[in-house]
Amino acid sequence: MRKIHSTLRLFFEAGLSIRAIARTLRVSPEVPAKAGMGDYIRRAKVAGLSWPLPEGLDERALEARLFPGASVPAPDWAHVHAELRRKGVTLSLLWQEYKGEHPEGLQYSQFCERYRAFRQGVDGVMRHNHRAGEKLFVDYAGHTVPIVDRESGARREAQVFVAVPGASSYTYAEATWAQTLPDWCASHPR
Protein backbone atom coordinates (compact mmCIF):
# COMPACT_ATOMS: atom_id res chain seq x y z
CA MET A 1 0.00 0.00 0.00
CA ARG A 2 1.29 3.46 -0.87
CA LYS A 3 1.76 5.87 2.02
CA ILE A 4 1.61 9.07 0.00
CA HIS A 5 -0.40 11.21 2.46
CA SER A 6 1.87 10.29 5.35
CA THR A 7 5.02 10.86 3.31
CA LEU A 8 3.94 14.33 2.20
CA ARG A 9 2.81 15.31 5.70
CA LEU A 10 6.07 14.22 7.30
CA PHE A 11 8.16 15.97 4.64
CA PHE A 12 6.30 19.28 4.32
CA GLU A 13 4.92 19.70 7.85
CA ALA A 14 7.52 17.98 10.04
CA GLY A 15 10.50 18.67 7.75
CA LEU A 16 11.87 15.12 8.05
CA SER A 17 14.41 13.66 5.63
CA ILE A 18 13.48 10.72 3.40
CA ARG A 19 15.44 8.32 5.65
CA ALA A 20 13.64 9.63 8.74
CA ILE A 21 10.28 9.31 6.98
CA ALA A 22 11.14 5.73 5.99
CA ARG A 23 12.03 4.88 9.59
CA THR A 24 8.84 6.50 10.88
CA LEU A 25 6.61 4.64 8.40
CA ARG A 26 8.66 1.43 8.74
CA VAL A 27 9.49 1.32 5.04
CA SER A 28 12.90 0.57 3.59
CA PRO A 29 14.61 3.78 2.44
CA GLU A 30 16.31 1.70 -0.28
CA VAL A 31 13.18 1.32 -2.41
CA PRO A 32 13.62 2.05 -6.14
CA ALA A 33 13.50 5.72 -7.10
CA LYS A 34 10.35 5.39 -9.23
CA ALA A 35 8.28 3.95 -6.39
CA GLY A 36 10.09 5.61 -3.51
CA MET A 37 9.19 8.39 -1.15
CA GLY A 38 11.54 10.80 -2.87
CA ASP A 39 9.55 10.28 -6.05
CA TYR A 40 6.30 11.11 -4.22
CA ILE A 41 7.80 14.36 -2.95
CA ARG A 42 9.21 15.31 -6.36
CA ARG A 43 5.86 14.59 -8.06
CA ALA A 44 3.99 16.64 -5.41
CA LYS A 45 6.26 19.63 -6.09
CA VAL A 46 5.75 19.28 -9.86
CA ALA A 47 1.96 19.08 -9.32
CA GLY A 48 2.12 22.25 -7.16
CA LEU A 49 1.04 20.47 -3.99
CA SER A 50 2.26 21.17 -0.46
CA TRP A 51 0.94 20.56 3.04
CA PRO A 52 -1.89 20.85 3.97
CA LEU A 53 -3.41 19.19 0.93
CA PRO A 54 -6.53 20.73 -0.64
CA GLU A 55 -9.90 19.77 0.87
CA GLY A 56 -11.52 16.61 -0.51
CA LEU A 57 -8.30 15.21 -1.98
CA ASP A 58 -8.55 11.54 -1.04
CA GLU A 59 -5.91 8.88 -1.74
CA ARG A 60 -7.27 8.07 -5.22
CA ALA A 61 -7.51 11.73 -6.31
CA LEU A 62 -4.04 12.43 -4.92
CA GLU A 63 -2.62 9.48 -6.82
CA ALA A 64 -4.30 10.70 -10.02
CA ARG A 65 -2.65 14.13 -9.58
CA LEU A 66 0.78 12.66 -8.85
CA PHE A 67 0.64 9.94 -11.52
CA PRO A 68 -1.42 11.49 -14.35
CA GLY A 69 -0.64 8.78 -16.94
CA ALA A 70 -1.52 5.93 -14.60
CA SER A 71 -5.22 5.85 -15.49
CA VAL A 72 -4.84 4.27 -18.92
CA PRO A 73 -8.02 3.02 -20.57
CA ALA A 74 -8.04 -0.76 -20.56
CA PRO A 75 -8.71 -2.60 -23.82
CA ASP A 76 -12.00 -4.39 -24.32
CA TRP A 77 -10.69 -7.87 -23.55
CA ALA A 78 -13.84 -9.61 -24.80
CA HIS A 79 -13.37 -7.89 -28.17
CA VAL A 80 -9.65 -8.82 -28.22
CA HIS A 81 -10.56 -12.43 -27.42
CA ALA A 82 -13.15 -12.56 -30.20
CA GLU A 83 -10.82 -10.95 -32.74
CA LEU A 84 -8.07 -13.50 -32.04
CA ARG A 85 -10.35 -16.22 -33.40
CA ARG A 86 -10.27 -14.62 -36.84
CA LYS A 87 -7.80 -15.88 -39.42
CA GLY A 88 -4.52 -13.94 -39.52
CA VAL A 89 -5.21 -11.84 -36.39
CA THR A 90 -2.46 -11.86 -33.77
CA LEU A 91 -2.09 -10.36 -30.31
CA SER A 92 0.68 -8.13 -31.67
CA LEU A 93 -1.62 -6.75 -34.36
CA LEU A 94 -4.37 -6.02 -31.83
CA TRP A 95 -1.88 -4.33 -29.52
CA GLN A 96 -0.72 -2.09 -32.38
CA GLU A 97 -4.33 -1.06 -33.03
CA TYR A 98 -4.83 -0.37 -29.32
CA LYS A 99 -1.60 1.65 -29.18
CA GLY A 100 -2.74 3.68 -32.20
CA GLU A 101 -5.90 4.70 -30.31
CA HIS A 102 -4.18 5.12 -26.91
CA PRO A 103 -0.49 6.12 -27.36
CA GLU A 104 -0.08 6.39 -23.58
CA GLY A 105 -1.60 2.92 -23.15
CA LEU A 106 -0.16 -0.41 -22.07
CA GLN A 107 3.11 -1.66 -23.47
CA TYR A 108 3.12 -4.99 -25.33
CA SER A 109 4.28 -7.15 -22.41
CA GLN A 110 1.60 -5.74 -20.06
CA PHE A 111 -1.01 -6.05 -22.82
CA CYS A 112 -0.16 -9.75 -23.24
CA GLU A 113 0.00 -10.42 -19.51
CA ARG A 114 -3.39 -8.83 -18.84
CA TYR A 115 -4.95 -10.63 -21.80
CA ARG A 116 -3.64 -13.97 -20.47
CA ALA A 117 -5.18 -13.15 -17.07
CA PHE A 118 -8.51 -12.37 -18.79
CA ARG A 119 -8.34 -15.55 -20.88
CA GLN A 120 -7.82 -17.74 -17.81
CA GLY A 121 -11.19 -16.62 -16.51
CA VAL A 122 -12.93 -17.20 -19.85
CA ASP A 123 -11.73 -20.43 -21.40
CA GLY A 124 -12.64 -23.71 -19.85
CA VAL A 125 -10.06 -26.19 -21.07
CA MET A 126 -10.44 -29.92 -20.69
CA ARG A 127 -7.21 -31.88 -20.73
CA HIS A 128 -7.12 -35.05 -22.83
CA ASN A 129 -4.70 -37.88 -22.20
CA HIS A 130 -3.75 -39.90 -25.30
CA ARG A 131 -1.92 -43.21 -25.31
CA ALA A 132 1.05 -43.42 -27.68
CA GLY A 133 0.05 -44.49 -31.17
CA GLU A 134 -3.66 -44.31 -30.43
CA LYS A 135 -4.62 -41.11 -32.25
CA LEU A 136 -3.27 -38.94 -35.04
CA PHE A 137 -4.80 -35.53 -35.68
CA VAL A 138 -4.58 -34.57 -39.37
CA ASP A 139 -5.75 -31.70 -41.56
CA TYR A 140 -4.62 -29.26 -44.18
CA ALA A 141 -3.39 -25.93 -42.84
CA GLY A 142 -5.48 -22.91 -43.74
CA HIS A 143 -2.71 -20.99 -45.50
CA THR A 144 -0.96 -22.11 -48.68
CA VAL A 145 2.78 -21.89 -49.33
CA PRO A 146 4.11 -20.22 -52.48
CA ILE A 147 6.56 -22.41 -54.47
CA VAL A 148 8.65 -20.77 -57.21
CA ASP A 149 10.09 -22.85 -60.06
CA ARG A 150 13.79 -21.92 -60.35
CA GLU A 151 13.95 -22.39 -64.11
CA SER A 152 10.75 -20.78 -65.31
CA GLY A 153 10.09 -18.45 -62.36
CA ALA A 154 6.47 -19.62 -62.28
CA ARG A 155 4.80 -19.40 -58.91
CA ARG A 156 2.45 -22.08 -57.64
CA GLU A 157 0.56 -22.39 -54.35
CA ALA A 158 1.10 -25.61 -52.40
CA GLN A 159 -1.24 -27.03 -49.77
CA VAL A 160 0.25 -27.88 -46.36
CA PHE A 161 -0.70 -31.26 -44.84
CA VAL A 162 -0.21 -31.37 -41.06
CA ALA A 163 -0.29 -34.41 -38.76
CA VAL A 164 0.16 -34.42 -34.97
CA PRO A 165 0.26 -37.58 -32.82
CA GLY A 166 -1.92 -37.11 -29.74
CA ALA A 167 0.57 -38.43 -27.18
CA SER A 168 3.76 -36.64 -28.26
CA SER A 169 2.40 -33.49 -29.96
CA TYR A 170 5.25 -33.66 -32.48
CA THR A 171 4.27 -32.07 -35.76
CA TYR A 172 4.70 -33.51 -39.24
CA ALA A 173 4.05 -31.26 -42.24
CA GLU A 174 4.47 -31.66 -45.98
CA ALA A 175 3.46 -29.70 -49.05
CA THR A 176 1.20 -31.19 -51.71
CA TRP A 177 -0.09 -29.56 -54.89
CA ALA A 178 -3.76 -30.19 -54.10
CA GLN A 179 -6.12 -31.47 -51.45
CA THR A 180 -7.37 -34.35 -53.55
CA LEU A 181 -8.11 -37.80 -52.15
CA PRO A 182 -4.91 -39.35 -53.63
CA ASP A 183 -2.79 -36.57 -52.03
CA TRP A 184 -4.61 -36.98 -48.72
CA CYS A 185 -4.17 -40.78 -48.68
CA ALA A 186 -0.51 -40.61 -49.78
CA SER A 187 0.38 -38.11 -47.02
CA HIS A 188 -0.84 -40.36 -44.20
CA PRO A 189 1.77 -43.17 -44.43
CA ARG A 190 4.61 -40.69 -44.95
C-alpha atoms as a PDB file:
ATOM      1  CA  MET A   1       0.000   0.000   0.000  1.00  0.00           C
ATOM      2  CA  ARG A   2       1.285   3.460  -0.868  1.00  0.00           C
ATOM      3  CA  LYS A   3       1.760   5.874   2.021  1.00  0.00           C
ATOM      4  CA  ILE A   4       1.607   9.074  -0.001  1.00  0.00           C
ATOM      5  CA  HIS A   5      -0.399  11.208   2.461  1.00  0.00           C
ATOM      6  CA  SER A   6       1.872  10.295   5.351  1.00  0.00           C
ATOM      7  CA  THR A   7       5.024  10.859   3.307  1.00  0.00           C
ATOM      8  CA  LEU A   8       3.941  14.329   2.198  1.00  0.00           C
ATOM      9  CA  ARG A   9       2.811  15.315   5.705  1.00  0.00           C
ATOM     10  CA  LEU A  10       6.068  14.218   7.303  1.00  0.00           C
ATOM     11  CA  PHE A  11       8.156  15.966   4.638  1.00  0.00           C
ATOM     12  CA  PHE A  12       6.295  19.275   4.317  1.00  0.00           C
ATOM     13  CA  GLU A  13       4.916  19.704   7.850  1.00  0.00           C
ATOM     14  CA  ALA A  14       7.517  17.983  10.043  1.00  0.00           C
ATOM     15  CA  GLY A  15      10.503  18.674   7.755  1.00  0.00           C
ATOM     16  CA  LEU A  16      11.869  15.120   8.045  1.00  0.00           C
ATOM     17  CA  SER A  17      14.406  13.657   5.632  1.00  0.00           C
ATOM     18  CA  ILE A  18      13.485  10.719   3.405  1.00  0.00           C
ATOM     19  CA  ARG A  19      15.442   8.320   5.650  1.00  0.00           C
ATOM     20  CA  ALA A  20      13.636   9.629   8.735  1.00  0.00           C
ATOM     21  CA  ILE A  21      10.279   9.309   6.978  1.00  0.00           C
ATOM     22  CA  ALA A  22      11.139   5.730   5.989  1.00  0.00           C
ATOM     23  CA  ARG A  23      12.034   4.878   9.594  1.00  0.00           C
ATOM     24  CA  THR A  24       8.842   6.496  10.882  1.00  0.00           C
ATOM     25  CA  LEU A  25       6.614   4.638   8.399  1.00  0.00           C
ATOM     26  CA  ARG A  26       8.656   1.431   8.739  1.00  0.00           C
ATOM     27  CA  VAL A  27       9.490   1.324   5.040  1.00  0.00           C
ATOM     28  CA  SER A  28      12.899   0.568   3.590  1.00  0.00           C
ATOM     29  CA  PRO A  29      14.615   3.779   2.437  1.00  0.00           C
ATOM     30  CA  GLU A  30      16.308   1.700  -0.279  1.00  0.00           C
ATOM     31  CA  VAL A  31      13.176   1.322  -2.412  1.00  0.00           C
ATOM     32  CA  PRO A  32      13.615   2.046  -6.138  1.00  0.00           C
ATOM     33  CA  ALA A  33      13.496   5.723  -7.102  1.00  0.00           C
ATOM     34  CA  LYS A  34      10.346   5.394  -9.230  1.00  0.00           C
ATOM     35  CA  ALA A  35       8.279   3.945  -6.394  1.00  0.00           C
ATOM     36  CA  GLY A  36      10.089   5.613  -3.510  1.00  0.00           C
ATOM     37  CA  MET A  37       9.193   8.392  -1.151  1.00  0.00           C
ATOM     38  CA  GLY A  38      11.544  10.801  -2.866  1.00  0.00           C
ATOM     39  CA  ASP A  39       9.548  10.281  -6.047  1.00  0.00           C
ATOM     40  CA  TYR A  40       6.296  11.112  -4.224  1.00  0.00           C
ATOM     41  CA  ILE A  41       7.796  14.359  -2.949  1.00  0.00           C
ATOM     42  CA  ARG A  42       9.210  15.308  -6.355  1.00  0.00           C
ATOM     43  CA  ARG A  43       5.864  14.592  -8.065  1.00  0.00           C
ATOM     44  CA  ALA A  44       3.993  16.640  -5.414  1.00  0.00           C
ATOM     45  CA  LYS A  45       6.256  19.633  -6.089  1.00  0.00           C
ATOM     46  CA  VAL A  46       5.751  19.282  -9.863  1.00  0.00           C
ATOM     47  CA  ALA A  47       1.962  19.079  -9.325  1.00  0.00           C
ATOM     48  CA  GLY A  48       2.120  22.245  -7.159  1.00  0.00           C
ATOM     49  CA  LEU A  49       1.042  20.470  -3.986  1.00  0.00           C
ATOM     50  CA  SER A  50       2.257  21.172  -0.462  1.00  0.00           C
ATOM     51  CA  TRP A  51       0.944  20.563   3.036  1.00  0.00           C
ATOM     52  CA  PRO A  52      -1.888  20.852   3.965  1.00  0.00           C
ATOM     53  CA  LEU A  53      -3.405  19.191   0.935  1.00  0.00           C
ATOM     54  CA  PRO A  54      -6.530  20.729  -0.643  1.00  0.00           C
ATOM     55  CA  GLU A  55      -9.903  19.771   0.867  1.00  0.00           C
ATOM     56  CA  GLY A  56     -11.516  16.613  -0.514  1.00  0.00           C
ATOM     57  CA  LEU A  57      -8.302  15.210  -1.978  1.00  0.00           C
ATOM     58  CA  ASP A  58      -8.552  11.541  -1.037  1.00  0.00           C
ATOM     59  CA  GLU A  59      -5.914   8.878  -1.735  1.00  0.00           C
ATOM     60  CA  ARG A  60      -7.274   8.067  -5.221  1.00  0.00           C
ATOM     61  CA  ALA A  61      -7.511  11.731  -6.305  1.00  0.00           C
ATOM     62  CA  LEU A  62      -4.035  12.434  -4.918  1.00  0.00           C
ATOM     63  CA  GLU A  63      -2.623   9.477  -6.816  1.00  0.00           C
ATOM     64  CA  ALA A  64      -4.296  10.701 -10.023  1.00  0.00           C
ATOM     65  CA  ARG A  65      -2.646  14.134  -9.578  1.00  0.00           C
ATOM     66  CA  LEU A  66       0.781  12.661  -8.849  1.00  0.00           C
ATOM     67  CA  PHE A  67       0.637   9.941 -11.519  1.00  0.00           C
ATOM     68  CA  PRO A  68      -1.416  11.492 -14.346  1.00  0.00           C
ATOM     69  CA  GLY A  69      -0.642   8.780 -16.942  1.00  0.00           C
ATOM     70  CA  ALA A  70      -1.516   5.928 -14.603  1.00  0.00           C
ATOM     71  CA  SER A  71      -5.216   5.848 -15.486  1.00  0.00           C
ATOM     72  CA  VAL A  72      -4.840   4.274 -18.917  1.00  0.00           C
ATOM     73  CA  PRO A  73      -8.015   3.017 -20.572  1.00  0.00           C
ATOM     74  CA  ALA A  74      -8.035  -0.764 -20.560  1.00  0.00           C
ATOM     75  CA  PRO A  75      -8.711  -2.605 -23.817  1.00  0.00           C
ATOM     76  CA  ASP A  76     -12.004  -4.389 -24.318  1.00  0.00           C
ATOM     77  CA  TRP A  77     -10.687  -7.867 -23.554  1.00  0.00           C
ATOM     78  CA  ALA A  78     -13.836  -9.606 -24.800  1.00  0.00           C
ATOM     79  CA  HIS A  79     -13.372  -7.893 -28.174  1.00  0.00           C
ATOM     80  CA  VAL A  80      -9.653  -8.822 -28.221  1.00  0.00           C
ATOM     81  CA  HIS A  81     -10.564 -12.432 -27.418  1.00  0.00           C
ATOM     82  CA  ALA A  82     -13.155 -12.563 -30.197  1.00  0.00           C
ATOM     83  CA  GLU A  83     -10.816 -10.947 -32.743  1.00  0.00           C
ATOM     84  CA  LEU A  84      -8.073 -13.499 -32.037  1.00  0.00           C
ATOM     85  CA  ARG A  85     -10.354 -16.222 -33.399  1.00  0.00           C
ATOM     86  CA  ARG A  86     -10.273 -14.617 -36.844  1.00  0.00           C
ATOM     87  CA  LYS A  87      -7.799 -15.876 -39.420  1.00  0.00           C
ATOM     88  CA  GLY A  88      -4.522 -13.944 -39.522  1.00  0.00           C
ATOM     89  CA  VAL A  89      -5.208 -11.841 -36.394  1.00  0.00           C
ATOM     90  CA  THR A  90      -2.457 -11.856 -33.767  1.00  0.00           C
ATOM     91  CA  LEU A  91      -2.089 -10.357 -30.313  1.00  0.00           C
ATOM     92  CA  SER A  92       0.682  -8.133 -31.666  1.00  0.00           C
ATOM     93  CA  LEU A  93      -1.619  -6.752 -34.359  1.00  0.00           C
ATOM     94  CA  LEU A  94      -4.373  -6.024 -31.834  1.00  0.00           C
ATOM     95  CA  TRP A  95      -1.876  -4.326 -29.518  1.00  0.00           C
ATOM     96  CA  GLN A  96      -0.716  -2.087 -32.383  1.00  0.00           C
ATOM     97  CA  GLU A  97      -4.326  -1.058 -33.033  1.00  0.00           C
ATOM     98  CA  TYR A  98      -4.827  -0.366 -29.316  1.00  0.00           C
ATOM     99  CA  LYS A  99      -1.599   1.652 -29.184  1.00  0.00           C
ATOM    100  CA  GLY A 100      -2.744   3.684 -32.201  1.00  0.00           C
ATOM    101  CA  GLU A 101      -5.899   4.700 -30.309  1.00  0.00           C
ATOM    102  CA  HIS A 102      -4.176   5.116 -26.915  1.00  0.00           C
ATOM    103  CA  PRO A 103      -0.488   6.120 -27.363  1.00  0.00           C
ATOM    104  CA  GLU A 104      -0.076   6.386 -23.578  1.00  0.00           C
ATOM    105  CA  GLY A 105      -1.598   2.922 -23.148  1.00  0.00           C
ATOM    106  CA  LEU A 106      -0.156  -0.406 -22.071  1.00  0.00           C
ATOM    107  CA  GLN A 107       3.105  -1.663 -23.474  1.00  0.00           C
ATOM    108  CA  TYR A 108       3.117  -4.986 -25.326  1.00  0.00           C
ATOM    109  CA  SER A 109       4.277  -7.148 -22.409  1.00  0.00           C
ATOM    110  CA  GLN A 110       1.599  -5.740 -20.056  1.00  0.00           C
ATOM    111  CA  PHE A 111      -1.006  -6.049 -22.820  1.00  0.00           C
ATOM    112  CA  CYS A 112      -0.162  -9.747 -23.242  1.00  0.00           C
ATOM    113  CA  GLU A 113       0.001 -10.416 -19.507  1.00  0.00           C
ATOM    114  CA  ARG A 114      -3.386  -8.832 -18.843  1.00  0.00           C
ATOM    115  CA  TYR A 115      -4.953 -10.634 -21.796  1.00  0.00           C
ATOM    116  CA  ARG A 116      -3.637 -13.966 -20.466  1.00  0.00           C
ATOM    117  CA  ALA A 117      -5.178 -13.153 -17.069  1.00  0.00           C
ATOM    118  CA  PHE A 118      -8.507 -12.370 -18.794  1.00  0.00           C
ATOM    119  CA  ARG A 119      -8.341 -15.553 -20.878  1.00  0.00           C
ATOM    120  CA  GLN A 120      -7.824 -17.742 -17.808  1.00  0.00           C
ATOM    121  CA  GLY A 121     -11.191 -16.620 -16.506  1.00  0.00           C
ATOM    122  CA  VAL A 122     -12.932 -17.205 -19.850  1.00  0.00           C
ATOM    123  CA  ASP A 123     -11.732 -20.428 -21.402  1.00  0.00           C
ATOM    124  CA  GLY A 124     -12.643 -23.711 -19.850  1.00  0.00           C
ATOM    125  CA  VAL A 125     -10.056 -26.190 -21.068  1.00  0.00           C
ATOM    126  CA  MET A 126     -10.437 -29.922 -20.688  1.00  0.00           C
ATOM    127  CA  ARG A 127      -7.208 -31.877 -20.732  1.00  0.00           C
ATOM    128  CA  HIS A 128      -7.124 -35.046 -22.830  1.00  0.00           C
ATOM    129  CA  ASN A 129      -4.703 -37.883 -22.203  1.00  0.00           C
ATOM    130  CA  HIS A 130      -3.749 -39.896 -25.296  1.00  0.00           C
ATOM    131  CA  ARG A 131      -1.922 -43.210 -25.307  1.00  0.00           C
ATOM    132  CA  ALA A 132       1.045 -43.419 -27.675  1.00  0.00           C
ATOM    133  CA  GLY A 133       0.050 -44.492 -31.174  1.00  0.00           C
ATOM    134  CA  GLU A 134      -3.658 -44.315 -30.427  1.00  0.00           C
ATOM    135  CA  LYS A 135      -4.615 -41.111 -32.255  1.00  0.00           C
ATOM    136  CA  LEU A 136      -3.266 -38.936 -35.039  1.00  0.00           C
ATOM    137  CA  PHE A 137      -4.795 -35.532 -35.677  1.00  0.00           C
ATOM    138  CA  VAL A 138      -4.584 -34.566 -39.373  1.00  0.00           C
ATOM    139  CA  ASP A 139      -5.750 -31.703 -41.563  1.00  0.00           C
ATOM    140  CA  TYR A 140      -4.625 -29.256 -44.184  1.00  0.00           C
ATOM    141  CA  ALA A 141      -3.390 -25.930 -42.841  1.00  0.00           C
ATOM    142  CA  GLY A 142      -5.476 -22.910 -43.739  1.00  0.00           C
ATOM    143  CA  HIS A 143      -2.714 -20.989 -45.497  1.00  0.00           C
ATOM    144  CA  THR A 144      -0.963 -22.105 -48.677  1.00  0.00           C
ATOM    145  CA  VAL A 145       2.781 -21.893 -49.330  1.00  0.00           C
ATOM    146  CA  PRO A 146       4.111 -20.216 -52.482  1.00  0.00           C
ATOM    147  CA  ILE A 147       6.555 -22.410 -54.474  1.00  0.00           C
ATOM    148  CA  VAL A 148       8.646 -20.769 -57.207  1.00  0.00           C
ATOM    149  CA  ASP A 149      10.091 -22.848 -60.057  1.00  0.00           C
ATOM    150  CA  ARG A 150      13.787 -21.918 -60.351  1.00  0.00           C
ATOM    151  CA  GLU A 151      13.954 -22.392 -64.114  1.00  0.00           C
ATOM    152  CA  SER A 152      10.747 -20.777 -65.306  1.00  0.00           C
ATOM    153  CA  GLY A 153      10.094 -18.445 -62.360  1.00  0.00           C
ATOM    154  CA  ALA A 154       6.471 -19.621 -62.280  1.00  0.00           C
ATOM    155  CA  ARG A 155       4.802 -19.402 -58.907  1.00  0.00           C
ATOM    156  CA  ARG A 156       2.447 -22.081 -57.636  1.00  0.00           C
ATOM    157  CA  GLU A 157       0.560 -22.394 -54.354  1.00  0.00           C
ATOM    158  CA  ALA A 158       1.096 -25.613 -52.398  1.00  0.00           C
ATOM    159  CA  GLN A 159      -1.243 -27.034 -49.770  1.00  0.00           C
ATOM    160  CA  VAL A 160       0.251 -27.884 -46.359  1.00  0.00           C
ATOM    161  CA  PHE A 161      -0.700 -31.258 -44.845  1.00  0.00           C
ATOM    162  CA  VAL A 162      -0.211 -31.372 -41.059  1.00  0.00           C
ATOM    163  CA  ALA A 163      -0.292 -34.410 -38.760  1.00  0.00           C
ATOM    164  CA  VAL A 164       0.159 -34.415 -34.970  1.00  0.00           C
ATOM    165  CA  PRO A 165       0.264 -37.576 -32.817  1.00  0.00           C
ATOM    166  CA  GLY A 166      -1.918 -37.106 -29.742  1.00  0.00           C
ATOM    167  CA  ALA A 167       0.574 -38.427 -27.185  1.00  0.00           C
ATOM    168  CA  SER A 168       3.759 -36.645 -28.256  1.00  0.00           C
ATOM    169  CA  SER A 169       2.402 -33.494 -29.956  1.00  0.00           C
ATOM    170  CA  TYR A 170       5.250 -33.663 -32.482  1.00  0.00           C
ATOM    171  CA  THR A 171       4.270 -32.068 -35.764  1.00  0.00           C
ATOM    172  CA  TYR A 172       4.701 -33.507 -39.243  1.00  0.00           C
ATOM    173  CA  ALA A 173       4.049 -31.256 -42.241  1.00  0.00           C
ATOM    174  CA  GLU A 174       4.466 -31.660 -45.980  1.00  0.00           C
ATOM    175  CA  ALA A 175       3.465 -29.699 -49.048  1.00  0.00           C
ATOM    176  CA  THR A 176       1.195 -31.188 -51.711  1.00  0.00           C
ATOM    177  CA  TRP A 177      -0.093 -29.563 -54.886  1.00  0.00           C
ATOM    178  CA  ALA A 178      -3.757 -30.192 -54.105  1.00  0.00           C
ATOM    179  CA  GLN A 179      -6.119 -31.471 -51.453  1.00  0.00           C
ATOM    180  CA  THR A 180      -7.366 -34.349 -53.546  1.00  0.00           C
ATOM    181  CA  LEU A 181      -8.107 -37.800 -52.151  1.00  0.00           C
ATOM    182  CA  PRO A 182      -4.915 -39.355 -53.627  1.00  0.00           C
ATOM    183  CA  ASP A 183      -2.791 -36.570 -52.034  1.00  0.00           C
ATOM    184  CA  TRP A 184      -4.613 -36.980 -48.719  1.00  0.00           C
ATOM    185  CA  CYS A 185      -4.175 -40.776 -48.685  1.00  0.00           C
ATOM    186  CA  ALA A 186      -0.506 -40.607 -49.776  1.00  0.00           C
ATOM    187  CA  SER A 187       0.380 -38.109 -47.024  1.00  0.00           C
ATOM    188  CA  HIS A 188      -0.840 -40.362 -44.199  1.00  0.00           C
ATOM    189  CA  PRO A 189       1.772 -43.167 -44.434  1.00  0.00           C
ATOM    190  CA  ARG A 190       4.614 -40.690 -44.946  1.00  0.00           C
END
